């Protein structure tokens, strides 16, 4: 990796070829029974390694650095897959017999709308993208034409604002 960081393309190619089996094995520890997702994560890890290779410290072991990247990418993939999967309920009687907690007048939706209306526009937008549209932070950053760090900051400030508003509402 040190030679790759110094611009040795041949060393970089050898490194990438050598780490693919290790990446695949590490990903398989986190993702079971989904070969397509495993391969997607392997590719994502390789792209991430390429993008952040400058952050590797040659005075430290390589495998823990790589393992941290693998773990983060696998978790991101599992979260994204969880957002996309829809659970099908096969017990129609249970569904039909379950009361609609939002009420006939959409009380829950009105409460959400009211809370969101208290936020500045940019904060409201990222909350809607991430929590109501189930976008990843990276996708929300792209959709809002901002950085990942800005999305995280906006979310943090939005929830701080909502907590403050909740406290003042109960006083």
N, C-alpha and C. Protein backbone atom coordinates (compact mmCIF):
# COMPACT_ATOMS: atom_id res chain seq x y z
N UNK A 1 0.84 -1.19 0.00
CA UNK A 1 0.00 0.00 0.00
C UNK A 1 0.88 1.25 0.00
N UNK A 2 1.98 1.18 0.70
CA UNK A 2 2.87 2.34 0.72
C UNK A 2 3.36 2.66 -0.69
N UNK A 3 3.74 1.64 -1.45
CA UNK A 3 4.19 1.88 -2.83
C UNK A 3 3.03 2.39 -3.69
N UNK A 4 1.83 1.88 -3.44
CA UNK A 4 0.65 2.36 -4.18
C UNK A 4 0.40 3.83 -3.86
N UNK A 5 0.56 4.20 -2.59
CA UNK A 5 0.38 5.60 -2.21
C UNK A 5 1.42 6.50 -2.88
N UNK A 6 2.58 5.91 -3.14
CA UNK A 6 3.65 6.68 -3.79
C UNK A 6 3.49 6.72 -5.31
N UNK A 7 2.44 6.09 -5.85
CA UNK A 7 2.17 6.16 -7.28
C UNK A 7 2.60 4.96 -8.09
N UNK A 8 3.03 3.89 -7.45
CA UNK A 8 3.45 2.69 -8.17
C UNK A 8 2.19 1.94 -8.62
N UNK A 9 1.83 2.09 -9.89
CA UNK A 9 0.61 1.49 -10.43
C UNK A 9 0.64 -0.04 -10.39
N UNK A 10 1.79 -0.63 -10.70
CA UNK A 10 1.90 -2.10 -10.68
C UNK A 10 1.67 -2.62 -9.26
N UNK A 11 2.24 -1.96 -8.27
CA UNK A 11 2.05 -2.37 -6.87
C UNK A 11 0.58 -2.21 -6.49
N UNK A 12 -0.04 -1.14 -6.96
CA UNK A 12 -1.45 -0.90 -6.66
C UNK A 12 -2.33 -2.00 -7.26
N UNK A 13 -2.07 -2.40 -8.49
CA UNK A 13 -2.83 -3.48 -9.13
C UNK A 13 -2.64 -4.79 -8.37
N UNK A 14 -1.40 -5.09 -7.98
CA UNK A 14 -1.14 -6.32 -7.20
C UNK A 14 -1.87 -6.28 -5.87
N UNK A 15 -1.86 -5.12 -5.23
CA UNK A 15 -2.55 -4.97 -3.95
C UNK A 15 -4.04 -5.25 -4.10
N UNK A 16 -4.66 -4.61 -5.09
CA UNK A 16 -6.11 -4.78 -5.29
C UNK A 16 -6.46 -6.24 -5.57
N UNK A 17 -5.67 -6.90 -6.41
CA UNK A 17 -5.92 -8.31 -6.71
C UNK A 17 -5.73 -9.17 -5.47
N UNK A 18 -4.77 -8.83 -4.65
CA UNK A 18 -4.48 -9.63 -3.45
C UNK A 18 -5.54 -9.45 -2.37
N UNK A 19 -6.15 -8.29 -2.29
CA UNK A 19 -7.09 -8.06 -1.18
C UNK A 19 -8.52 -8.50 -1.50
N UNK A 20 -8.84 -8.74 -2.76
CA UNK A 20 -10.21 -9.12 -3.11
C UNK A 20 -10.67 -10.36 -2.33
N UNK A 21 -9.88 -11.46 -2.26
CA UNK A 21 -10.35 -12.62 -1.49
C UNK A 21 -10.56 -12.30 -0.01
N UNK A 22 -9.70 -11.47 0.55
CA UNK A 22 -9.85 -11.09 1.96
C UNK A 22 -11.11 -10.25 2.15
N UNK A 23 -11.34 -9.32 1.24
CA UNK A 23 -12.55 -8.48 1.32
C UNK A 23 -13.79 -9.37 1.23
N UNK A 24 -13.80 -10.28 0.26
CA UNK A 24 -14.96 -11.15 0.07
C UNK A 24 -15.22 -11.97 1.34
N UNK A 25 -14.16 -12.51 1.95
CA UNK A 25 -14.32 -13.30 3.17
C UNK A 25 -14.86 -12.45 4.32
N UNK A 26 -14.36 -11.23 4.45
CA UNK A 26 -14.84 -10.34 5.51
C UNK A 26 -16.30 -9.94 5.28
N UNK A 27 -16.66 -9.71 4.04
CA UNK A 27 -18.05 -9.33 3.73
C UNK A 27 -18.98 -10.50 4.01
N UNK A 28 -18.57 -11.70 3.65
CA UNK A 28 -19.41 -12.89 3.88
C UNK A 28 -19.69 -13.13 5.36
N UNK A 29 -18.82 -12.64 6.22
CA UNK A 29 -19.06 -12.76 7.67
C UNK A 29 -20.23 -11.88 8.11
N UNK A 30 -20.47 -10.83 7.35
CA UNK A 30 -21.53 -9.88 7.71
C UNK A 30 -22.81 -10.08 6.91
N UNK A 31 -22.68 -10.57 5.69
CA UNK A 31 -23.83 -10.72 4.80
C UNK A 31 -23.97 -12.18 4.42
N UNK A 32 -25.08 -12.77 4.79
CA UNK A 32 -25.31 -14.19 4.55
C UNK A 32 -26.29 -14.39 3.40
N UNK A 33 -26.12 -15.43 2.67
CA UNK A 33 -27.09 -15.92 1.68
C UNK A 33 -27.52 -14.89 0.64
N UNK A 34 -26.67 -13.97 0.31
CA UNK A 34 -27.00 -13.01 -0.74
C UNK A 34 -25.72 -12.71 -1.52
N UNK A 35 -25.41 -13.61 -2.44
CA UNK A 35 -24.16 -13.50 -3.20
C UNK A 35 -24.07 -12.21 -4.00
N UNK A 36 -25.20 -11.77 -4.53
CA UNK A 36 -25.20 -10.53 -5.33
C UNK A 36 -24.83 -9.33 -4.44
N UNK A 37 -25.40 -9.29 -3.24
CA UNK A 37 -25.10 -8.18 -2.33
C UNK A 37 -23.64 -8.26 -1.88
N UNK A 38 -23.14 -9.46 -1.65
CA UNK A 38 -21.73 -9.62 -1.27
C UNK A 38 -20.84 -9.02 -2.36
N UNK A 39 -21.11 -9.36 -3.61
CA UNK A 39 -20.28 -8.84 -4.71
C UNK A 39 -20.42 -7.33 -4.85
N UNK A 40 -21.62 -6.81 -4.62
CA UNK A 40 -21.81 -5.35 -4.66
C UNK A 40 -20.96 -4.68 -3.60
N UNK A 41 -20.94 -5.27 -2.40
CA UNK A 41 -20.17 -4.68 -1.31
C UNK A 41 -18.67 -4.79 -1.60
N UNK A 42 -18.25 -5.92 -2.16
CA UNK A 42 -16.83 -6.06 -2.53
C UNK A 42 -16.43 -4.93 -3.48
N UNK A 43 -17.24 -4.67 -4.48
CA UNK A 43 -16.95 -3.59 -5.43
C UNK A 43 -16.95 -2.24 -4.74
N UNK A 44 -17.91 -2.03 -3.83
CA UNK A 44 -17.98 -0.77 -3.10
C UNK A 44 -16.74 -0.59 -2.24
N UNK A 45 -16.28 -1.66 -1.61
CA UNK A 45 -15.06 -1.58 -0.79
C UNK A 45 -13.86 -1.21 -1.66
N UNK A 46 -13.74 -1.84 -2.81
CA UNK A 46 -12.62 -1.53 -3.71
C UNK A 46 -12.64 -0.06 -4.13
N UNK A 47 -13.82 0.45 -4.43
CA UNK A 47 -13.93 1.87 -4.79
C UNK A 47 -13.57 2.76 -3.60
N UNK A 48 -14.02 2.36 -2.42
CA UNK A 48 -13.72 3.14 -1.22
C UNK A 48 -12.22 3.12 -0.94
N UNK A 49 -11.60 1.95 -1.05
CA UNK A 49 -10.15 1.86 -0.85
C UNK A 49 -9.44 2.80 -1.83
N UNK A 50 -9.88 2.80 -3.06
CA UNK A 50 -9.28 3.69 -4.07
C UNK A 50 -9.44 5.15 -3.67
N UNK A 51 -10.62 5.48 -3.21
CA UNK A 51 -10.93 6.88 -2.88
C UNK A 51 -10.20 7.35 -1.62
N UNK A 52 -9.99 6.45 -0.64
CA UNK A 52 -9.42 6.88 0.65
C UNK A 52 -8.04 6.29 0.91
N UNK A 53 -7.38 5.80 -0.12
CA UNK A 53 -6.09 5.15 0.09
C UNK A 53 -5.06 6.10 0.70
N UNK A 54 -5.24 7.38 0.49
CA UNK A 54 -4.33 8.36 1.07
C UNK A 54 -4.42 8.42 2.60
N UNK A 55 -5.51 7.89 3.17
CA UNK A 55 -5.69 7.94 4.63
C UNK A 55 -4.98 6.81 5.35
N UNK A 56 -4.52 5.81 4.60
CA UNK A 56 -3.83 4.69 5.25
C UNK A 56 -2.49 5.17 5.82
N UNK A 57 -2.24 4.80 7.07
CA UNK A 57 -0.99 5.14 7.74
C UNK A 57 -0.06 3.93 7.66
N UNK A 58 1.03 4.03 6.90
CA UNK A 58 1.92 2.88 6.71
C UNK A 58 2.58 2.41 8.00
N UNK A 59 2.54 3.20 9.05
CA UNK A 59 3.10 2.77 10.34
C UNK A 59 2.14 1.88 11.12
N UNK A 60 0.95 1.68 10.57
CA UNK A 60 -0.05 0.86 11.26
C UNK A 60 -0.38 -0.35 10.39
N UNK A 61 -0.95 -1.41 10.98
CA UNK A 61 -1.28 -2.61 10.18
C UNK A 61 -2.35 -2.30 9.14
N UNK A 62 -2.23 -2.96 8.00
CA UNK A 62 -3.13 -2.73 6.88
C UNK A 62 -4.50 -3.39 7.08
N UNK A 63 -4.51 -4.63 7.58
CA UNK A 63 -5.76 -5.38 7.67
C UNK A 63 -6.82 -4.70 8.55
N UNK A 64 -6.48 -4.16 9.72
CA UNK A 64 -7.52 -3.46 10.50
C UNK A 64 -8.10 -2.25 9.75
N UNK A 65 -7.26 -1.55 9.02
CA UNK A 65 -7.74 -0.41 8.21
C UNK A 65 -8.73 -0.90 7.17
N UNK A 66 -8.35 -1.97 6.46
CA UNK A 66 -9.23 -2.54 5.44
C UNK A 66 -10.51 -3.09 6.07
N UNK A 67 -10.38 -3.76 7.20
CA UNK A 67 -11.54 -4.35 7.88
C UNK A 67 -12.56 -3.28 8.30
N UNK A 68 -12.06 -2.14 8.72
CA UNK A 68 -12.97 -1.05 9.10
C UNK A 68 -13.77 -0.57 7.89
N UNK A 69 -13.11 -0.48 6.75
CA UNK A 69 -13.81 -0.07 5.53
C UNK A 69 -14.85 -1.12 5.15
N UNK A 70 -14.46 -2.39 5.20
CA UNK A 70 -15.39 -3.48 4.86
C UNK A 70 -16.61 -3.43 5.77
N UNK A 71 -16.38 -3.30 7.07
CA UNK A 71 -17.49 -3.28 8.02
C UNK A 71 -18.45 -2.13 7.73
N UNK A 72 -17.91 -0.96 7.46
CA UNK A 72 -18.76 0.21 7.18
C UNK A 72 -19.57 0.01 5.91
N UNK A 73 -18.93 -0.47 4.85
CA UNK A 73 -19.64 -0.67 3.58
C UNK A 73 -20.69 -1.78 3.72
N UNK A 74 -20.40 -2.84 4.46
CA UNK A 74 -21.37 -3.92 4.64
C UNK A 74 -22.58 -3.42 5.42
N UNK A 75 -22.34 -2.66 6.46
CA UNK A 75 -23.45 -2.12 7.25
C UNK A 75 -24.30 -1.18 6.40
N UNK A 76 -23.66 -0.33 5.61
CA UNK A 76 -24.40 0.56 4.72
C UNK A 76 -25.27 -0.23 3.76
N UNK A 77 -24.72 -1.31 3.21
CA UNK A 77 -25.47 -2.14 2.25
C UNK A 77 -26.65 -2.81 2.93
N UNK A 78 -26.45 -3.31 4.14
CA UNK A 78 -27.54 -3.97 4.86
C UNK A 78 -28.63 -2.97 5.22
N UNK A 79 -28.23 -1.78 5.61
CA UNK A 79 -29.23 -0.74 5.92
C UNK A 79 -30.03 -0.37 4.68
N UNK A 80 -29.33 -0.20 3.57
CA UNK A 80 -30.01 0.16 2.32
C UNK A 80 -30.95 -0.96 1.90
N UNK A 81 -30.52 -2.20 2.04
CA UNK A 81 -31.38 -3.34 1.67
C UNK A 81 -32.59 -3.38 2.59
N UNK A 82 -32.40 -3.09 3.86
CA UNK A 82 -33.52 -3.08 4.80
C UNK A 82 -34.55 -2.03 4.46
N UNK A 83 -34.10 -0.90 3.93
CA UNK A 83 -35.04 0.15 3.53
C UNK A 83 -35.84 -0.25 2.30
N UNK A 84 -35.20 -1.04 1.43
CA UNK A 84 -35.87 -1.42 0.18
C UNK A 84 -36.83 -2.58 0.36
N UNK A 85 -36.57 -3.43 1.35
CA UNK A 85 -37.42 -4.60 1.51
C UNK A 85 -38.75 -4.20 2.15
N UNK A 86 -39.78 -4.77 1.65
CA UNK A 86 -41.11 -4.53 2.21
C UNK A 86 -41.63 -5.86 2.73
N UNK A 87 -42.08 -5.85 3.95
CA UNK A 87 -42.57 -7.07 4.56
C UNK A 87 -44.03 -7.25 4.18
N UNK A 88 -44.38 -8.41 3.71
CA UNK A 88 -45.74 -8.71 3.31
C UNK A 88 -46.45 -9.41 4.46
N UNK A 89 -47.63 -8.90 4.82
CA UNK A 89 -48.41 -9.50 5.89
C UNK A 89 -49.40 -10.46 5.27
N UNK A 90 -49.40 -11.70 5.73
CA UNK A 90 -50.29 -12.68 5.13
C UNK A 90 -51.56 -12.89 5.93
N UNK A 91 -51.66 -12.31 7.10
CA UNK A 91 -52.85 -12.47 7.93
C UNK A 91 -53.77 -11.26 7.73
N UNK A 92 -54.66 -11.38 6.75
CA UNK A 92 -55.55 -10.25 6.41
C UNK A 92 -56.45 -9.87 7.57
N UNK A 93 -56.91 -10.84 8.34
CA UNK A 93 -57.78 -10.53 9.47
C UNK A 93 -57.07 -9.68 10.51
N UNK A 94 -55.81 -9.97 10.75
CA UNK A 94 -55.04 -9.19 11.72
C UNK A 94 -54.86 -7.76 11.22
N UNK A 95 -54.61 -7.62 9.93
CA UNK A 95 -54.43 -6.28 9.37
C UNK A 95 -55.74 -5.50 9.42
N UNK A 96 -56.81 -6.13 9.00
CA UNK A 96 -58.11 -5.44 8.98
C UNK A 96 -58.62 -5.16 10.38
N UNK A 97 -58.28 -6.01 11.33
CA UNK A 97 -58.74 -5.82 12.70
C UNK A 97 -57.89 -4.85 13.50
N UNK A 98 -56.75 -4.46 12.96
CA UNK A 98 -55.84 -3.54 13.65
C UNK A 98 -56.34 -2.11 13.46
N UNK A 99 -56.55 -1.39 14.56
CA UNK A 99 -57.05 -0.02 14.41
C UNK A 99 -56.02 0.89 13.74
N UNK A 100 -56.53 1.83 12.97
CA UNK A 100 -55.68 2.81 12.32
C UNK A 100 -55.31 3.86 13.36
N UNK A 101 -54.04 3.83 13.81
CA UNK A 101 -53.62 4.71 14.89
C UNK A 101 -53.55 6.17 14.48
N UNK A 102 -53.54 6.42 13.20
CA UNK A 102 -53.50 7.81 12.77
C UNK A 102 -54.89 8.45 12.84
N UNK A 103 -55.90 7.64 13.04
CA UNK A 103 -57.26 8.16 13.11
C UNK A 103 -57.79 8.50 11.74
N UNK A 104 -59.09 8.66 11.66
CA UNK A 104 -59.71 8.94 10.37
C UNK A 104 -59.30 10.28 9.78
N UNK A 105 -58.85 11.17 10.63
CA UNK A 105 -58.51 12.50 10.14
C UNK A 105 -57.01 12.68 9.92
N UNK A 106 -56.25 11.60 9.98
CA UNK A 106 -54.82 11.70 9.72
C UNK A 106 -54.06 12.46 10.78
N UNK A 107 -54.40 12.25 12.04
CA UNK A 107 -53.79 12.98 13.14
C UNK A 107 -52.27 12.82 13.17
N UNK A 108 -51.77 11.61 12.96
CA UNK A 108 -50.32 11.38 12.99
C UNK A 108 -49.63 12.19 11.90
N UNK A 109 -50.20 12.21 10.70
CA UNK A 109 -49.59 12.96 9.61
C UNK A 109 -49.58 14.45 9.91
N UNK A 110 -50.64 14.93 10.52
CA UNK A 110 -50.70 16.35 10.88
C UNK A 110 -49.64 16.68 11.93
N UNK A 111 -49.41 15.76 12.87
CA UNK A 111 -48.39 16.00 13.89
C UNK A 111 -47.00 16.07 13.26
N UNK A 112 -46.72 15.14 12.34
CA UNK A 112 -45.43 15.16 11.64
C UNK A 112 -45.29 16.45 10.86
N UNK A 113 -46.33 16.83 10.12
CA UNK A 113 -46.28 18.07 9.34
C UNK A 113 -46.05 19.28 10.24
N UNK A 114 -46.70 19.29 11.40
CA UNK A 114 -46.55 20.40 12.34
C UNK A 114 -45.11 20.49 12.84
N UNK A 115 -44.54 19.35 13.23
CA UNK A 115 -43.16 19.33 13.72
C UNK A 115 -42.18 19.78 12.64
N UNK A 116 -42.38 19.28 11.44
CA UNK A 116 -41.48 19.65 10.35
C UNK A 116 -41.60 21.12 9.98
N UNK A 117 -42.79 21.68 10.14
CA UNK A 117 -42.98 23.09 9.79
C UNK A 117 -42.20 24.01 10.71
N UNK A 118 -41.79 23.51 11.86
CA UNK A 118 -41.02 24.32 12.81
C UNK A 118 -39.53 24.37 12.46
N UNK A 119 -39.12 23.57 11.51
CA UNK A 119 -37.70 23.51 11.14
C UNK A 119 -37.40 24.46 9.99
N UNK A 120 -36.16 24.97 9.96
CA UNK A 120 -35.74 25.74 8.78
C UNK A 120 -35.79 24.84 7.54
N UNK A 121 -35.92 25.42 6.39
CA UNK A 121 -36.15 24.68 5.14
C UNK A 121 -35.10 23.60 4.87
N UNK A 122 -33.81 23.92 5.03
CA UNK A 122 -32.76 22.94 4.72
C UNK A 122 -32.81 21.76 5.69
N UNK A 123 -33.05 22.03 6.98
CA UNK A 123 -33.16 20.96 7.96
C UNK A 123 -34.36 20.08 7.65
N UNK A 124 -35.49 20.73 7.36
CA UNK A 124 -36.70 19.99 7.04
C UNK A 124 -36.48 19.08 5.83
N UNK A 125 -35.79 19.59 4.82
CA UNK A 125 -35.55 18.82 3.59
C UNK A 125 -34.74 17.56 3.88
N UNK A 126 -33.66 17.66 4.66
CA UNK A 126 -32.85 16.47 4.92
C UNK A 126 -33.58 15.47 5.81
N UNK A 127 -34.39 15.95 6.75
CA UNK A 127 -35.19 15.03 7.57
C UNK A 127 -36.18 14.28 6.68
N UNK A 128 -36.81 15.00 5.76
CA UNK A 128 -37.75 14.35 4.84
C UNK A 128 -37.05 13.32 3.96
N UNK A 129 -35.88 13.67 3.46
CA UNK A 129 -35.15 12.75 2.58
C UNK A 129 -34.68 11.51 3.32
N UNK A 130 -34.07 11.70 4.48
CA UNK A 130 -33.47 10.57 5.20
C UNK A 130 -34.51 9.75 5.95
N UNK A 131 -35.39 10.42 6.67
CA UNK A 131 -36.29 9.68 7.56
C UNK A 131 -37.67 9.40 6.98
N UNK A 132 -38.13 10.21 6.07
CA UNK A 132 -39.45 9.94 5.49
C UNK A 132 -39.34 9.24 4.15
N UNK A 133 -38.28 9.53 3.40
CA UNK A 133 -38.08 8.86 2.11
C UNK A 133 -37.10 7.71 2.19
N UNK A 134 -36.55 7.46 3.38
CA UNK A 134 -35.61 6.36 3.61
C UNK A 134 -34.40 6.40 2.70
N UNK A 135 -33.87 7.58 2.43
CA UNK A 135 -32.65 7.70 1.63
C UNK A 135 -31.45 7.51 2.55
N UNK A 136 -30.37 7.03 1.99
CA UNK A 136 -29.12 6.99 2.74
C UNK A 136 -28.62 8.42 2.88
N UNK A 137 -27.69 8.62 3.79
CA UNK A 137 -27.13 9.96 3.97
C UNK A 137 -26.45 10.44 2.69
N UNK A 138 -25.74 9.52 2.04
CA UNK A 138 -25.05 9.89 0.79
C UNK A 138 -26.05 10.27 -0.29
N UNK A 139 -27.14 9.50 -0.41
CA UNK A 139 -28.15 9.82 -1.41
C UNK A 139 -28.83 11.15 -1.09
N UNK A 140 -29.08 11.40 0.19
CA UNK A 140 -29.69 12.67 0.59
C UNK A 140 -28.76 13.83 0.28
N UNK A 141 -27.47 13.62 0.47
CA UNK A 141 -26.50 14.68 0.13
C UNK A 141 -26.54 14.98 -1.36
N UNK A 142 -26.59 13.93 -2.17
CA UNK A 142 -26.65 14.13 -3.62
C UNK A 142 -27.96 14.82 -4.02
N UNK A 143 -29.06 14.37 -3.43
CA UNK A 143 -30.37 14.94 -3.79
C UNK A 143 -30.50 16.39 -3.37
N UNK A 144 -29.82 16.76 -2.29
CA UNK A 144 -29.92 18.15 -1.83
C UNK A 144 -28.73 19.00 -2.26
N UNK A 145 -27.89 18.44 -3.12
CA UNK A 145 -26.72 19.16 -3.65
C UNK A 145 -25.84 19.72 -2.54
N UNK A 146 -25.56 18.87 -1.57
CA UNK A 146 -24.71 19.29 -0.45
C UNK A 146 -23.77 18.15 -0.10
N UNK A 147 -22.95 18.35 0.90
CA UNK A 147 -21.99 17.32 1.28
C UNK A 147 -22.60 16.38 2.31
N UNK A 148 -21.96 15.24 2.46
CA UNK A 148 -22.39 14.27 3.47
C UNK A 148 -22.27 14.89 4.86
N UNK A 149 -21.19 15.59 5.11
CA UNK A 149 -21.00 16.24 6.41
C UNK A 149 -22.10 17.26 6.68
N UNK A 150 -22.50 17.99 5.65
CA UNK A 150 -23.57 18.99 5.83
C UNK A 150 -24.90 18.30 6.15
N UNK A 151 -25.17 17.18 5.50
CA UNK A 151 -26.41 16.44 5.79
C UNK A 151 -26.41 15.98 7.25
N UNK A 152 -25.29 15.43 7.70
CA UNK A 152 -25.19 14.98 9.09
C UNK A 152 -25.41 16.14 10.06
N UNK A 153 -24.79 17.26 9.75
CA UNK A 153 -24.92 18.43 10.60
C UNK A 153 -26.36 18.95 10.60
N UNK A 154 -26.98 19.00 9.44
CA UNK A 154 -28.37 19.46 9.36
C UNK A 154 -29.31 18.54 10.13
N UNK A 155 -29.09 17.24 10.03
CA UNK A 155 -29.92 16.29 10.79
C UNK A 155 -29.74 16.49 12.29
N UNK A 156 -28.49 16.64 12.70
CA UNK A 156 -28.21 16.84 14.12
C UNK A 156 -28.92 18.10 14.64
N UNK A 157 -28.78 19.18 13.88
CA UNK A 157 -29.44 20.43 14.29
C UNK A 157 -30.96 20.31 14.26
N UNK A 158 -31.49 19.59 13.28
CA UNK A 158 -32.94 19.43 13.19
C UNK A 158 -33.48 18.70 14.43
N UNK A 159 -32.80 17.63 14.81
CA UNK A 159 -33.30 16.88 15.97
C UNK A 159 -33.09 17.64 17.27
N UNK A 160 -32.03 18.43 17.34
CA UNK A 160 -31.84 19.29 18.51
C UNK A 160 -32.96 20.31 18.59
N UNK A 161 -33.33 20.89 17.46
CA UNK A 161 -34.44 21.86 17.42
C UNK A 161 -35.75 21.19 17.82
N UNK A 162 -36.00 20.00 17.30
CA UNK A 162 -37.24 19.29 17.64
C UNK A 162 -37.29 18.95 19.13
N UNK A 163 -36.14 18.56 19.71
CA UNK A 163 -36.11 18.26 21.15
C UNK A 163 -36.40 19.52 21.96
N UNK A 164 -35.79 20.64 21.57
CA UNK A 164 -36.03 21.91 22.28
C UNK A 164 -37.50 22.29 22.18
N UNK A 165 -38.08 22.14 21.00
CA UNK A 165 -39.49 22.48 20.81
C UNK A 165 -40.38 21.58 21.67
N UNK A 166 -40.03 20.31 21.76
CA UNK A 166 -40.81 19.36 22.55
C UNK A 166 -40.77 19.77 24.03
N UNK A 167 -39.57 20.15 24.50
CA UNK A 167 -39.43 20.56 25.90
C UNK A 167 -40.23 21.82 26.18
N UNK A 168 -40.23 22.79 25.27
CA UNK A 168 -40.97 24.04 25.51
C UNK A 168 -42.48 23.79 25.37
N UNK A 169 -42.89 22.83 24.56
CA UNK A 169 -44.32 22.51 24.42
C UNK A 169 -44.86 21.91 25.70
N UNK A 170 -44.02 21.17 26.43
CA UNK A 170 -44.48 20.48 27.64
C UNK A 170 -44.37 21.32 28.89
N UNK A 171 -43.78 22.51 28.76
CA UNK A 171 -43.64 23.38 29.94
C UNK A 171 -44.90 24.14 30.21
